[in-house]
Amino acid sequence: MAVPRSKVSRMKRGFRRSADALKAPTYTTDKKSGELRRPHHIDMKSGTYRGMQVLEPKAD
């Protein structure tokens, strides 16, 4: 039978269980394209970030 080497402290147990409280990612509606995107991420449809063109727009 497996026996732990030492007792797991409340802090270490809490670190392990903290992943249970993770939330679903949030999305915002882009002002120009109206598409959903993650905050602080590039809008993949238009290729813009904070009003600047950083990528080529995605062709449909």
PDB file of N, CA and C in Angstrom:
ATOM      1  N   MET A   1       0.832  -1.175   0.000  1.00  0.00           N
ATOM      2  CA  MET A   1       0.000   0.000   0.000  1.00  0.00           C
ATOM      3  C   MET A   1       0.882   1.246   0.000  1.00  0.00           C
ATOM      4  N   ALA A   2       0.509   2.246  -0.777  1.00  0.00           N
ATOM      5  CA  ALA A   2       1.298   3.460  -0.873  1.00  0.00           C
ATOM      6  C   ALA A   2       1.105   4.315   0.370  1.00  0.00           C
ATOM      7  N   VAL A   3       2.218   4.796   0.906  1.00  0.00           N
ATOM      8  CA  VAL A   3       2.180   5.637   2.099  1.00  0.00           C
ATOM      9  C   VAL A   3       2.889   6.943   1.769  1.00  0.00           C
ATOM     10  N   PRO A   4       2.261   8.093   2.043  1.00  0.00           N
ATOM     11  CA  PRO A   4       2.927   9.364   1.755  1.00  0.00           C
ATOM     12  C   PRO A   4       4.160   9.558   2.628  1.00  0.00           C
ATOM     13  N   ARG A   5       5.177  10.203   2.087  1.00  0.00           N
ATOM     14  CA  ARG A   5       6.400  10.429   2.843  1.00  0.00           C
ATOM     15  C   ARG A   5       6.185  11.395   3.999  1.00  0.00           C
ATOM     16  N   SER A   6       5.367  12.411   3.771  1.00  0.00           N
ATOM     17  CA  SER A   6       5.104  13.369   4.834  1.00  0.00           C
ATOM     18  C   SER A   6       3.730  13.980   4.632  1.00  0.00           C
ATOM     19  N   LYS A   7       3.245  14.617   5.668  1.00  0.00           N
ATOM     20  CA  LYS A   7       1.925  15.240   5.614  1.00  0.00           C
ATOM     21  C   LYS A   7       1.960  16.441   4.657  1.00  0.00           C
ATOM     22  N   VAL A   8       0.911  16.566   3.861  1.00  0.00           N
ATOM     23  CA  VAL A   8       0.784  17.706   2.961  1.00  0.00           C
ATOM     24  C   VAL A   8       0.157  18.847   3.753  1.00  0.00           C
ATOM     25  N   SER A   9       0.840  19.990   3.763  1.00  0.00           N
ATOM     26  CA  SER A   9       0.350  21.128   4.541  1.00  0.00           C
ATOM     27  C   SER A   9      -0.912  21.717   3.913  1.00  0.00           C
ATOM     28  N   ARG A  10      -1.631  22.507   4.690  1.00  0.00           N
ATOM     29  CA  ARG A  10      -2.847  23.144   4.193  1.00  0.00           C
ATOM     30  C   ARG A  10      -2.542  24.074   3.021  1.00  0.00           C
ATOM     31  N   MET A  11      -1.387  24.728   3.058  1.00  0.00           N
ATOM     32  CA  MET A  11      -1.015  25.640   1.983  1.00  0.00           C
ATOM     33  C   MET A  11      -0.787  24.874   0.672  1.00  0.00           C
ATOM     34  N   LYS A  12      -0.019  23.786   0.738  1.00  0.00           N
ATOM     35  CA  LYS A  12       0.240  23.002  -0.475  1.00  0.00           C
ATOM     36  C   LYS A  12      -1.035  22.368  -1.009  1.00  0.00           C
ATOM     37  N   ARG A  13      -1.905  21.920  -0.112  1.00  0.00           N
ATOM     38  CA  ARG A  13      -3.181  21.355  -0.523  1.00  0.00           C
ATOM     39  C   ARG A  13      -4.024  22.420  -1.220  1.00  0.00           C
ATOM     40  N   GLY A  14      -3.978  23.651  -0.703  1.00  0.00           N
ATOM     41  CA  GLY A  14      -4.720  24.750  -1.306  1.00  0.00           C
ATOM     42  C   GLY A  14      -4.186  25.125  -2.673  1.00  0.00           C
ATOM     43  N   PHE A  15      -2.865  25.094  -2.843  1.00  0.00           N
ATOM     44  CA  PHE A  15      -2.273  25.366  -4.155  1.00  0.00           C
ATOM     45  C   PHE A  15      -2.775  24.355  -5.183  1.00  0.00           C
ATOM     46  N   ARG A  16      -2.848  23.091  -4.781  1.00  0.00           N
ATOM     47  CA  ARG A  16      -3.290  22.043  -5.691  1.00  0.00           C
ATOM     48  C   ARG A  16      -4.770  22.217  -6.038  1.00  0.00           C
ATOM     49  N   ARG A  17      -5.574  22.604  -5.082  1.00  0.00           N
ATOM     50  CA  ARG A  17      -7.015  22.732  -5.294  1.00  0.00           C
ATOM     51  C   ARG A  17      -7.411  24.063  -5.916  1.00  0.00           C
ATOM     52  N   SER A  18      -6.482  24.989  -6.048  1.00  0.00           N
ATOM     53  CA  SER A  18      -6.837  26.300  -6.586  1.00  0.00           C
ATOM     54  C   SER A  18      -7.267  26.220  -8.044  1.00  0.00           C
ATOM     55  N   ALA A  19      -6.820  25.201  -8.769  1.00  0.00           N
ATOM     56  CA  ALA A  19      -7.209  25.055 -10.165  1.00  0.00           C
ATOM     57  C   ALA A  19      -8.687  24.721 -10.299  1.00  0.00           C
ATOM     58  N   ASP A  20      -9.319  24.216  -9.235  1.00  0.00           N
ATOM     59  CA  ASP A  20     -10.746  23.896  -9.298  1.00  0.00           C
ATOM     60  C   ASP A  20     -11.594  25.148  -9.429  1.00  0.00           C
ATOM     61  N   ALA A  21     -11.068  26.292  -9.011  1.00  0.00           N
ATOM     62  CA  ALA A  21     -11.840  27.528  -9.008  1.00  0.00           C
ATOM     63  C   ALA A  21     -11.616  28.352 -10.271  1.00  0.00           C
ATOM     64  N   LEU A  22     -10.932  27.796 -11.283  1.00  0.00           N
ATOM     65  CA  LEU A  22     -10.689  28.551 -12.514  1.00  0.00           C
ATOM     66  C   LEU A  22     -12.010  28.849 -13.215  1.00  0.00           C
ATOM     67  N   LYS A  23     -12.097  30.040 -13.796  1.00  0.00           N
ATOM     68  CA  LYS A  23     -13.316  30.470 -14.456  1.00  0.00           C
ATOM     69  C   LYS A  23     -13.158  30.360 -15.969  1.00  0.00           C
ATOM     70  N   ALA A  24     -14.278  30.371 -16.650  1.00  0.00           N
ATOM     71  CA  ALA A  24     -14.265  30.357 -18.114  1.00  0.00           C
ATOM     72  C   ALA A  24     -13.701  31.683 -18.616  1.00  0.00           C
ATOM     73  N   PRO A  25     -13.001  31.684 -19.754  1.00  0.00           N
ATOM     74  CA  PRO A  25     -12.424  32.936 -20.264  1.00  0.00           C
ATOM     75  C   PRO A  25     -13.510  33.936 -20.654  1.00  0.00           C
ATOM     76  N   THR A  26     -13.199  35.214 -20.470  1.00  0.00           N
ATOM     77  CA  THR A  26     -14.141  36.263 -20.812  1.00  0.00           C
ATOM     78  C   THR A  26     -13.901  36.731 -22.244  1.00  0.00           C
ATOM     79  N   TYR A  27     -14.942  37.191 -22.869  1.00  0.00           N
ATOM     80  CA  TYR A  27     -14.869  37.699 -24.228  1.00  0.00           C
ATOM     81  C   TYR A  27     -15.515  39.071 -24.275  1.00  0.00           C
ATOM     82  N   THR A  28     -15.015  39.922 -25.156  1.00  0.00           N
ATOM     83  CA  THR A  28     -15.604  41.233 -25.367  1.00  0.00           C
ATOM     84  C   THR A  28     -15.993  41.359 -26.827  1.00  0.00           C
ATOM     85  N   THR A  29     -16.932  42.236 -27.097  1.00  0.00           N
ATOM     86  CA  THR A  29     -17.354  42.488 -28.467  1.00  0.00           C
ATOM     87  C   THR A  29     -16.493  43.593 -29.053  1.00  0.00           C
ATOM     88  N   ASP A  30     -15.904  43.317 -30.208  1.00  0.00           N
ATOM     89  CA  ASP A  30     -15.062  44.314 -30.859  1.00  0.00           C
ATOM     90  C   ASP A  30     -15.927  45.467 -31.356  1.00  0.00           C
ATOM     91  N   LYS A  31     -15.454  46.696 -31.147  1.00  0.00           N
ATOM     92  CA  LYS A  31     -16.248  47.874 -31.500  1.00  0.00           C
ATOM     93  C   LYS A  31     -16.440  48.024 -33.001  1.00  0.00           C
ATOM     94  N   LYS A  32     -15.415  47.706 -33.774  1.00  0.00           N
ATOM     95  CA  LYS A  32     -15.506  47.916 -35.227  1.00  0.00           C
ATOM     96  C   LYS A  32     -16.142  46.731 -35.949  1.00  0.00           C
ATOM     97  N   SER A  33     -15.653  45.528 -35.681  1.00  0.00           N
ATOM     98  CA  SER A  33     -16.140  44.375 -36.440  1.00  0.00           C
ATOM     99  C   SER A  33     -17.350  43.710 -35.799  1.00  0.00           C
ATOM    100  N   GLY A  34     -17.562  43.914 -34.500  1.00  0.00           N
ATOM    101  CA  GLY A  34     -18.679  43.283 -33.815  1.00  0.00           C
ATOM    102  C   GLY A  34     -18.441  41.833 -33.453  1.00  0.00           C
ATOM    103  N   GLU A  35     -17.233  41.332 -33.706  1.00  0.00           N
ATOM    104  CA  GLU A  35     -16.895  39.950 -33.400  1.00  0.00           C
ATOM    105  C   GLU A  35     -16.482  39.813 -31.936  1.00  0.00           C
ATOM    106  N   LEU A  36     -16.646  38.618 -31.397  1.00  0.00           N
ATOM    107  CA  LEU A  36     -16.174  38.341 -30.042  1.00  0.00           C
ATOM    108  C   LEU A  36     -14.677  38.106 -30.085  1.00  0.00           C
ATOM    109  N   ARG A  37     -13.960  38.648 -29.101  1.00  0.00           N
ATOM    110  CA  ARG A  37     -12.523  38.429 -28.990  1.00  0.00           C
ATOM    111  C   ARG A  37     -12.137  38.510 -27.530  1.00  0.00           C
ATOM    112  N   ARG A  38     -10.967  37.965 -27.210  1.00  0.00           N
ATOM    113  CA  ARG A  38     -10.455  38.017 -25.845  1.00  0.00           C
ATOM    114  C   ARG A  38      -9.921  39.416 -25.580  1.00  0.00           C
ATOM    115  N   PRO A  39     -10.064  39.929 -24.350  1.00  0.00           N
ATOM    116  CA  PRO A  39      -9.484  41.233 -24.038  1.00  0.00           C
ATOM    117  C   PRO A  39      -7.958  41.186 -24.181  1.00  0.00           C
ATOM    118  N   HIS A  40      -7.372  42.256 -24.664  1.00  0.00           N
ATOM    119  CA  HIS A  40      -5.918  42.395 -24.841  1.00  0.00           C
ATOM    120  C   HIS A  40      -5.365  41.403 -25.856  1.00  0.00           C
ATOM    121  N   HIS A  41      -6.185  40.975 -26.825  1.00  0.00           N
ATOM    122  CA  HIS A  41      -5.749  40.082 -27.881  1.00  0.00           C
ATOM    123  C   HIS A  41      -6.065  40.713 -29.235  1.00  0.00           C
ATOM    124  N   ILE A  42      -5.413  40.223 -30.260  1.00  0.00           N
ATOM    125  CA  ILE A  42      -5.621  40.718 -31.618  1.00  0.00           C
ATOM    126  C   ILE A  42      -6.984  40.245 -32.115  1.00  0.00           C
ATOM    127  N   ASP A  43      -7.709  41.124 -32.813  1.00  0.00           N
ATOM    128  CA  ASP A  43      -8.944  40.738 -33.482  1.00  0.00           C
ATOM    129  C   ASP A  43      -8.543  40.018 -34.756  1.00  0.00           C
ATOM    130  N   MET A  44      -8.774  38.713 -34.818  1.00  0.00           N
ATOM    131  CA  MET A  44      -8.283  37.910 -35.931  1.00  0.00           C
ATOM    132  C   MET A  44      -9.024  38.193 -37.230  1.00  0.00           C
ATOM    133  N   LYS A  45     -10.254  38.684 -37.167  1.00  0.00           N
ATOM    134  CA  LYS A  45     -10.994  38.960 -38.395  1.00  0.00           C
ATOM    135  C   LYS A  45     -10.417  40.175 -39.122  1.00  0.00           C
ATOM    136  N   SER A  46     -10.154  41.242 -38.372  1.00  0.00           N
ATOM    137  CA  SER A  46      -9.644  42.454 -39.013  1.00  0.00           C
ATOM    138  C   SER A  46      -8.123  42.579 -38.903  1.00  0.00           C
ATOM    139  N   GLY A  47      -7.492  41.849 -37.977  1.00  0.00           N
ATOM    140  CA  GLY A  47      -6.043  41.907 -37.812  1.00  0.00           C
ATOM    141  C   GLY A  47      -5.571  43.148 -37.090  1.00  0.00           C
ATOM    142  N   THR A  48      -6.440  43.772 -36.297  1.00  0.00           N
ATOM    143  CA  THR A  48      -6.063  44.996 -35.589  1.00  0.00           C
ATOM    144  C   THR A  48      -5.905  44.729 -34.093  1.00  0.00           C
ATOM    145  N   TYR A  49      -5.096  45.555 -33.467  1.00  0.00           N
ATOM    146  CA  TYR A  49      -4.927  45.540 -32.018  1.00  0.00           C
ATOM    147  C   TYR A  49      -4.791  46.990 -31.566  1.00  0.00           C
ATOM    148  N   ARG A  50      -5.692  47.434 -30.731  1.00  0.00           N
ATOM    149  CA  ARG A  50      -5.722  48.794 -30.197  1.00  0.00           C
ATOM    150  C   ARG A  50      -5.705  49.832 -31.314  1.00  0.00           C
ATOM    151  N   GLY A  51      -6.456  49.566 -32.385  1.00  0.00           N
ATOM    152  CA  GLY A  51      -6.586  50.519 -33.473  1.00  0.00           C
ATOM    153  C   GLY A  51      -5.468  50.484 -34.498  1.00  0.00           C
ATOM    154  N   MET A  52      -4.473  49.625 -34.303  1.00  0.00           N
ATOM    155  CA  MET A  52      -3.359  49.534 -35.249  1.00  0.00           C
ATOM    156  C   MET A  52      -3.453  48.230 -36.031  1.00  0.00           C
ATOM    157  N   GLN A  53      -3.130  48.265 -37.303  1.00  0.00           N
ATOM    158  CA  GLN A  53      -3.122  47.079 -38.146  1.00  0.00           C
ATOM    159  C   GLN A  53      -1.829  46.320 -37.894  1.00  0.00           C
ATOM    160  N   VAL A  54      -1.925  45.108 -37.346  1.00  0.00           N
ATOM    161  CA  VAL A  54      -0.729  44.339 -37.032  1.00  0.00           C
ATOM    162  C   VAL A  54      -0.642  43.061 -37.865  1.00  0.00           C
ATOM    163  N   LEU A  55      -1.760  42.565 -38.387  1.00  0.00           N
ATOM    164  CA  LEU A  55      -1.769  41.388 -39.235  1.00  0.00           C
ATOM    165  C   LEU A  55      -2.606  41.663 -40.477  1.00  0.00           C
ATOM    166  N   GLU A  56      -2.391  40.833 -41.478  1.00  0.00           N
ATOM    167  CA  GLU A  56      -3.241  40.936 -42.661  1.00  0.00           C
ATOM    168  C   GLU A  56      -4.634  40.437 -42.285  1.00  0.00           C
ATOM    169  N   PRO A  57      -5.691  41.105 -42.769  1.00  0.00           N
ATOM    170  CA  PRO A  57      -7.049  40.629 -42.455  1.00  0.00           C
ATOM    171  C   PRO A  57      -7.274  39.219 -42.986  1.00  0.00           C
ATOM    172  N   LYS A  58      -8.031  38.439 -42.226  1.00  0.00           N
ATOM    173  CA  LYS A  58      -8.307  37.074 -42.598  1.00  0.00           C
ATOM    174  C   LYS A  58      -9.294  37.040 -43.754  1.00  0.00           C
ATOM    175  N   ALA A  59      -8.968  36.305 -44.806  1.00  0.00           N
ATOM    176  CA  ALA A  59      -9.848  36.230 -45.981  1.00  0.00           C
ATOM    177  C   ALA A  59     -10.885  35.133 -45.747  1.00  0.00           C
ATOM    178  N   ASP A  60     -12.136  35.401 -46.094  1.00  0.00           N
ATOM    179  CA  ASP A  60     -13.209  34.413 -45.914  1.00  0.00           C
ATOM    180  C   ASP A  60     -13.332  33.489 -47.095  1.00  0.00           C
TER     181      ASP A  60
END
